[in-house]
PDB file of N, CA and C in Angstrom:
ATOM      1  N   UNK A   1     102.517  63.400  -4.237  1.00  0.00           N
ATOM      2  CA  UNK A   1     103.185  62.172  -4.215  1.00  0.00           C
ATOM      3  C   UNK A   1     104.707  62.390  -4.412  1.00  0.00           C
ATOM      4  N   UNK A   2     105.408  61.512  -3.996  1.00  0.00           N
ATOM      5  CA  UNK A   2     106.930  61.577  -4.014  1.00  0.00           C
ATOM      6  C   UNK A   2     107.354  61.077  -5.376  1.00  0.00           C
ATOM      7  N   UNK A   3     108.243  61.715  -6.048  1.00  0.00           N
ATOM      8  CA  UNK A   3     108.753  61.296  -7.362  1.00  0.00           C
ATOM      9  C   UNK A   3     109.923  62.013  -7.831  1.00  0.00           C
ATOM     10  N   UNK A   4     110.454  61.592  -8.970  1.00  0.00           N
ATOM     11  CA  UNK A   4     111.685  62.193  -9.576  1.00  0.00           C
ATOM     12  C   UNK A   4     111.195  63.150 -10.642  1.00  0.00           C
ATOM     13  N   UNK A   5     111.735  64.287 -10.641  1.00  0.00           N
ATOM     14  CA  UNK A   5     111.415  65.256 -11.818  1.00  0.00           C
ATOM     15  C   UNK A   5     112.215  64.863 -13.046  1.00  0.00           C
ATOM     16  N   UNK A   6     111.441  64.445 -14.052  1.00  0.00           N
ATOM     17  CA  UNK A   6     112.097  63.914 -15.241  1.00  0.00           C
ATOM     18  C   UNK A   6     112.340  65.066 -16.254  1.00  0.00           C
ATOM     19  N   UNK A   7     111.431  65.971 -16.411  1.00  0.00           N
ATOM     20  CA  UNK A   7     111.626  67.055 -17.364  1.00  0.00           C
ATOM     21  C   UNK A   7     110.922  68.323 -16.866  1.00  0.00           C
ATOM     22  N   UNK A   8     111.615  69.514 -17.052  1.00  0.00           N
ATOM     23  CA  UNK A   8     111.035  70.759 -16.712  1.00  0.00           C
ATOM     24  C   UNK A   8     110.878  71.570 -17.957  1.00  0.00           C
ATOM     25  N   UNK A   9     109.655  72.026 -18.211  1.00  0.00           N
ATOM     26  CA  UNK A   9     109.297  72.717 -19.431  1.00  0.00           C
ATOM     27  C   UNK A   9     109.300  74.218 -19.344  1.00  0.00           C
ATOM     28  N   UNK A  10     109.365  74.784 -18.127  1.00  0.00           N
ATOM     29  CA  UNK A  10     109.285  76.218 -17.941  1.00  0.00           C
ATOM     30  C   UNK A  10     110.460  76.715 -17.211  1.00  0.00           C
ATOM     31  N   UNK A  11     110.553  78.002 -17.286  1.00  0.00           N
ATOM     32  CA  UNK A  11     111.692  78.780 -16.553  1.00  0.00           C
ATOM     33  C   UNK A  11     111.047  80.073 -15.993  1.00  0.00           C
ATOM     34  N   UNK A  12     111.821  80.702 -15.071  1.00  0.00           N
ATOM     35  CA  UNK A  12     111.314  81.994 -14.466  1.00  0.00           C
ATOM     36  C   UNK A  12     110.975  83.051 -15.562  1.00  0.00           C
ATOM     37  N   UNK A  13     109.876  83.645 -15.511  1.00  0.00           N
ATOM     38  CA  UNK A  13     109.456  84.645 -16.436  1.00  0.00           C
ATOM     39  C   UNK A  13     108.576  84.142 -17.597  1.00  0.00           C
ATOM     40  N   UNK A  14     108.469  82.814 -17.734  1.00  0.00           N
ATOM     41  CA  UNK A  14     107.625  82.231 -18.801  1.00  0.00           C
ATOM     42  C   UNK A  14     106.084  82.580 -18.418  1.00  0.00           C
ATOM     43  N   UNK A  15     105.421  82.839 -19.454  1.00  0.00           N
ATOM     44  CA  UNK A  15     103.911  83.056 -19.285  1.00  0.00           C
ATOM     45  C   UNK A  15     103.216  81.678 -19.610  1.00  0.00           C
ATOM     46  N   UNK A  16     102.321  81.237 -18.813  1.00  0.00           N
ATOM     47  CA  UNK A  16     101.568  79.962 -19.095  1.00  0.00           C
ATOM     48  C   UNK A  16     100.148  80.107 -19.074  1.00  0.00           C
ATOM     49  N   UNK A  17      99.396  79.266 -19.704  1.00  0.00           N
ATOM     50  CA  UNK A  17      97.986  79.244 -19.784  1.00  0.00           C
ATOM     51  C   UNK A  17      97.527  78.079 -18.990  1.00  0.00           C
ATOM     52  N   UNK A  18      96.304  78.084 -18.433  1.00  0.00           N
ATOM     53  CA  UNK A  18      95.752  77.018 -17.789  1.00  0.00           C
ATOM     54  C   UNK A  18      95.912  75.761 -18.486  1.00  0.00           C
ATOM     55  N   UNK A  19      96.412  74.656 -17.928  1.00  0.00           N
ATOM     56  CA  UNK A  19      96.504  73.405 -18.604  1.00  0.00           C
ATOM     57  C   UNK A  19      97.843  73.162 -19.268  1.00  0.00           C
ATOM     58  N   UNK A  20      98.719  74.153 -19.347  1.00  0.00           N
ATOM     59  CA  UNK A  20      99.978  74.069 -20.019  1.00  0.00           C
ATOM     60  C   UNK A  20     100.823  73.140 -19.159  1.00  0.00           C
ATOM     61  N   UNK A  21     101.696  72.229 -19.823  1.00  0.00           N
ATOM     62  CA  UNK A  21     102.502  71.414 -19.015  1.00  0.00           C
ATOM     63  C   UNK A  21     103.683  72.185 -18.399  1.00  0.00           C
ATOM     64  N   UNK A  22     103.949  71.927 -17.156  1.00  0.00           N
ATOM     65  CA  UNK A  22     105.085  72.621 -16.406  1.00  0.00           C
ATOM     66  C   UNK A  22     106.252  71.668 -16.291  1.00  0.00           C
ATOM     67  N   UNK A  23     106.030  70.444 -15.930  1.00  0.00           N
ATOM     68  CA  UNK A  23     107.050  69.414 -15.743  1.00  0.00           C
ATOM     69  C   UNK A  23     106.427  68.048 -15.836  1.00  0.00           C
ATOM     70  N   UNK A  24     107.344  67.051 -15.914  1.00  0.00           N
ATOM     71  CA  UNK A  24     106.994  65.636 -15.888  1.00  0.00           C
ATOM     72  C   UNK A  24     107.709  65.025 -14.668  1.00  0.00           C
ATOM     73  N   UNK A  25     106.933  64.319 -13.864  1.00  0.00           N
ATOM     74  CA  UNK A  25     107.386  63.612 -12.684  1.00  0.00           C
ATOM     75  C   UNK A  25     107.172  62.107 -12.789  1.00  0.00           C
ATOM     76  N   UNK A  26     108.199  61.305 -12.509  1.00  0.00           N
ATOM     77  CA  UNK A  26     108.097  59.856 -12.475  1.00  0.00           C
ATOM     78  C   UNK A  26     107.754  59.443 -11.075  1.00  0.00           C
ATOM     79  N   UNK A  27     106.648  58.890 -10.858  1.00  0.00           N
ATOM     80  CA  UNK A  27     106.256  58.298  -9.575  1.00  0.00           C
ATOM     81  C   UNK A  27     105.482  56.933  -9.779  1.00  0.00           C
ATOM     82  N   UNK A  28     105.801  56.011  -8.966  1.00  0.00           N
ATOM     83  CA  UNK A  28     105.105  54.758  -8.995  1.00  0.00           C
ATOM     84  C   UNK A  28     105.269  54.117 -10.386  1.00  0.00           C
ATOM     85  N   UNK A  29     106.478  54.335 -10.989  1.00  0.00           N
ATOM     86  CA  UNK A  29     106.830  53.771 -12.270  1.00  0.00           C
ATOM     87  C   UNK A  29     105.993  54.336 -13.392  1.00  0.00           C
ATOM     88  N   UNK A  30     105.343  55.515 -13.277  1.00  0.00           N
ATOM     89  CA  UNK A  30     104.530  56.140 -14.298  1.00  0.00           C
ATOM     90  C   UNK A  30     104.886  57.596 -14.389  1.00  0.00           C
ATOM     91  N   UNK A  31     104.699  58.120 -15.631  1.00  0.00           N
ATOM     92  CA  UNK A  31     104.937  59.478 -15.885  1.00  0.00           C
ATOM     93  C   UNK A  31     103.705  60.318 -15.625  1.00  0.00           C
ATOM     94  N   UNK A  32     103.879  61.365 -14.831  1.00  0.00           N
ATOM     95  CA  UNK A  32     102.783  62.237 -14.544  1.00  0.00           C
ATOM     96  C   UNK A  32     103.071  63.695 -14.962  1.00  0.00           C
ATOM     97  N   UNK A  33     102.230  64.189 -15.962  1.00  0.00           N
ATOM     98  CA  UNK A  33     102.549  65.563 -16.339  1.00  0.00           C
ATOM     99  C   UNK A  33     101.873  66.543 -15.410  1.00  0.00           C
ATOM    100  N   UNK A  34     102.644  67.409 -14.809  1.00  0.00           N
ATOM    101  CA  UNK A  34     102.121  68.468 -13.994  1.00  0.00           C
ATOM    102  C   UNK A  34     101.742  69.696 -14.794  1.00  0.00           C
ATOM    103  N   UNK A  35     100.527  70.137 -14.756  1.00  0.00           N
ATOM    104  CA  UNK A  35     100.033  71.283 -15.494  1.00  0.00           C
ATOM    105  C   UNK A  35      99.657  72.456 -14.779  1.00  0.00           C
ATOM    106  N   UNK A  36      99.671  73.636 -15.432  1.00  0.00           N
ATOM    107  CA  UNK A  36      99.348  74.891 -14.750  1.00  0.00           C
ATOM    108  C   UNK A  36      97.832  74.885 -14.395  1.00  0.00           C
ATOM    109  N   UNK A  37      97.564  75.239 -13.177  1.00  0.00           N
ATOM    110  CA  UNK A  37      96.132  75.235 -12.801  1.00  0.00           C
ATOM    111  C   UNK A  37      95.294  76.514 -13.290  1.00  0.00           C
ATOM    112  N   UNK A  38      96.059  77.543 -13.555  1.00  0.00           N
ATOM    113  CA  UNK A  38      95.574  78.759 -14.079  1.00  0.00           C
ATOM    114  C   UNK A  38      96.579  79.506 -14.951  1.00  0.00           C
ATOM    115  N   UNK A  39      96.192  80.543 -15.628  1.00  0.00           N
ATOM    116  CA  UNK A  39      97.081  81.325 -16.381  1.00  0.00           C
ATOM    117  C   UNK A  39      97.877  82.236 -15.515  1.00  0.00           C
ATOM    118  N   UNK A  40      99.130  82.500 -15.783  1.00  0.00           N
ATOM    119  CA  UNK A  40     100.037  83.282 -15.041  1.00  0.00           C
ATOM    120  C   UNK A  40     101.449  83.279 -15.507  1.00  0.00           C
ATOM    121  N   UNK A  41     102.306  83.874 -14.698  1.00  0.00           N
ATOM    122  CA  UNK A  41     103.733  84.000 -15.010  1.00  0.00           C
ATOM    123  C   UNK A  41     104.598  83.208 -14.001  1.00  0.00           C
ATOM    124  N   UNK A  42     105.519  82.435 -14.394  1.00  0.00           N
ATOM    125  CA  UNK A  42     106.302  81.587 -13.523  1.00  0.00           C
ATOM    126  C   UNK A  42     107.277  82.508 -12.744  1.00  0.00           C
ATOM    127  N   UNK A  43     107.186  82.483 -11.379  1.00  0.00           N
ATOM    128  CA  UNK A  43     108.031  83.201 -10.592  1.00  0.00           C
ATOM    129  C   UNK A  43     109.219  82.386  -9.954  1.00  0.00           C
ATOM    130  N   UNK A  44     109.069  81.063  -9.801  1.00  0.00           N
ATOM    131  CA  UNK A  44     110.201  80.226  -9.273  1.00  0.00           C
ATOM    132  C   UNK A  44     109.937  78.827  -9.597  1.00  0.00           C
ATOM    133  N   UNK A  45     110.982  78.146 -10.070  1.00  0.00           N
ATOM    134  CA  UNK A  45     110.949  76.741 -10.180  1.00  0.00           C
ATOM    135  C   UNK A  45     111.763  76.042  -9.098  1.00  0.00           C
ATOM    136  N   UNK A  46     111.141  75.279  -8.317  1.00  0.00           N
ATOM    137  CA  UNK A  46     111.773  74.720  -7.049  1.00  0.00           C
ATOM    138  C   UNK A  46     112.673  73.496  -7.295  1.00  0.00           C
ATOM    139  N   UNK A  47     112.481  72.754  -8.384  1.00  0.00           N
ATOM    140  CA  UNK A  47     113.220  71.534  -8.664  1.00  0.00           C
ATOM    141  C   UNK A  47     113.797  71.612 -10.042  1.00  0.00           C
ATOM    142  N   UNK A  48     114.941  70.888 -10.219  1.00  0.00           N
ATOM    143  CA  UNK A  48     115.493  70.766 -11.595  1.00  0.00           C
ATOM    144  C   UNK A  48     115.428  69.286 -11.949  1.00  0.00           C
ATOM    145  N   UNK A  49     115.661  68.961 -13.166  1.00  0.00           N
ATOM    146  CA  UNK A  49     115.644  67.603 -13.730  1.00  0.00           C
ATOM    147  C   UNK A  49     116.505  66.650 -12.890  1.00  0.00           C
ATOM    148  N   UNK A  50     115.957  65.546 -12.630  1.00  0.00           N
ATOM    149  CA  UNK A  50     116.788  64.486 -11.899  1.00  0.00           C
ATOM    150  C   UNK A  50     116.741  64.451 -10.462  1.00  0.00           C
ATOM    151  N   UNK A  51     115.977  65.511  -9.886  1.00  0.00           N
ATOM    152  CA  UNK A  51     115.919  65.586  -8.387  1.00  0.00           C
ATOM    153  C   UNK A  51     114.610  65.006  -7.887  1.00  0.00           C
ATOM    154  N   UNK A  52     114.732  64.369  -6.640  1.00  0.00           N
ATOM    155  CA  UNK A  52     113.598  63.728  -6.050  1.00  0.00           C
ATOM    156  C   UNK A  52     112.818  64.852  -5.306  1.00  0.00           C
ATOM    157  N   UNK A  53     111.492  64.851  -5.551  1.00  0.00           N
ATOM    158  CA  UNK A  53     110.665  65.860  -4.974  1.00  0.00           C
ATOM    159  C   UNK A  53     109.755  65.125  -3.953  1.00  0.00           C
ATOM    160  N   UNK A  54     109.619  65.632  -2.720  1.00  0.00           N
ATOM    161  CA  UNK A  54     108.844  64.984  -1.676  1.00  0.00           C
ATOM    162  C   UNK A  54     107.367  65.411  -1.816  1.00  0.00           C
ATOM    163  N   UNK A  55     106.626  64.564  -1.139  1.00  0.00           N
ATOM    164  CA  UNK A  55     105.109  64.766  -1.154  1.00  0.00           C
ATOM    165  C   UNK A  55     104.805  66.126  -0.632  1.00  0.00           C
ATOM    166  N   UNK A  56     103.877  66.793  -1.210  1.00  0.00           N
ATOM    167  CA  UNK A  56     103.309  68.087  -0.821  1.00  0.00           C
ATOM    168  C   UNK A  56     104.288  69.266  -1.041  1.00  0.00           C
ATOM    169  N   UNK A  57     105.529  68.982  -1.634  1.00  0.00           N
ATOM    170  CA  UNK A  57     106.486  70.081  -1.863  1.00  0.00           C
ATOM    171  C   UNK A  57     105.936  70.945  -2.991  1.00  0.00           C
ATOM    172  N   UNK A  58     106.071  72.259  -2.898  1.00  0.00           N
ATOM    173  CA  UNK A  58     105.683  73.100  -3.988  1.00  0.00           C
ATOM    174  C   UNK A  58     106.718  72.927  -5.133  1.00  0.00           C
ATOM    175  N   UNK A  59     106.232  72.730  -6.344  1.00  0.00           N
ATOM    176  CA  UNK A  59     107.122  72.470  -7.461  1.00  0.00           C
ATOM    177  C   UNK A  59     107.335  73.790  -8.249  1.00  0.00           C
ATOM    178  N   UNK A  60     106.374  74.528  -8.336  1.00  0.00           N
ATOM    179  CA  UNK A  60     106.566  75.839  -9.235  1.00  0.00           C
ATOM    180  C   UNK A  60     105.769  76.903  -8.409  1.00  0.00           C
ATOM    181  N   UNK A  61     106.246  78.150  -8.420  1.00  0.00           N
ATOM    182  CA  UNK A  61     105.414  79.320  -7.940  1.00  0.00           C
ATOM    183  C   UNK A  61     105.133  80.141  -9.240  1.00  0.00           C
ATOM    184  N   UNK A  62     103.915  80.636  -9.246  1.00  0.00           N
ATOM    185  CA  UNK A  62     103.570  81.520 -10.329  1.00  0.00           C
ATOM    186  C   UNK A  62     102.625  82.603  -9.837  1.00  0.00           C
ATOM    187  N   UNK A  63     102.558  83.725 -10.545  1.00  0.00           N
ATOM    188  CA  UNK A  63     101.710  84.825 -10.303  1.00  0.00           C
ATOM    189  C   UNK A  63     100.603  84.757 -11.275  1.00  0.00           C
ATOM    190  N   UNK A  64      99.301  84.706 -10.722  1.00  0.00           N
ATOM    191  CA  UNK A  64      98.175  84.528 -11.595  1.00  0.00           C
ATOM    192  C   UNK A  64      97.979  85.857 -12.340  1.00  0.00           C
ATOM    193  N   UNK A  65      97.478  85.678 -13.621  1.00  0.00           N
ATOM    194  CA  UNK A  65      97.151  86.803 -14.395  1.00  0.00           C
ATOM    195  C   UNK A  65      95.854  87.525 -13.896  1.00  0.00           C
ATOM    196  N   UNK A  66      95.862  88.772 -13.819  1.00  0.00           N
ATOM    197  CA  UNK A  66      94.671  89.518 -13.413  1.00  0.00           C
ATOM    198  C   UNK A  66      93.720  89.554 -14.588  1.00  0.00           C
ATOM    199  N   UNK A  67      92.426  89.569 -14.210  1.00  0.00           N
ATOM    200  CA  UNK A  67      91.476  89.518 -15.327  1.00  0.00           C
ATOM    201  C   UNK A  67      91.092  90.898 -15.774  1.00  0.00           C
TER     202      UNK A  67
END
């Protein structure tokens, strides 16, 4: 969905677990918390706070942890 990035909780190099909050997006007058789908390390954050993100745009790139 299209929305404005309200808050970014991660930066490059951060380790995240599945379900950790990555950022908050405001869309349709509601806050949506974007969470990590799997454990891994943040490789790139594509948007900063206050920027409009378009539909289907990748928000964060991360490398999955190997098991």
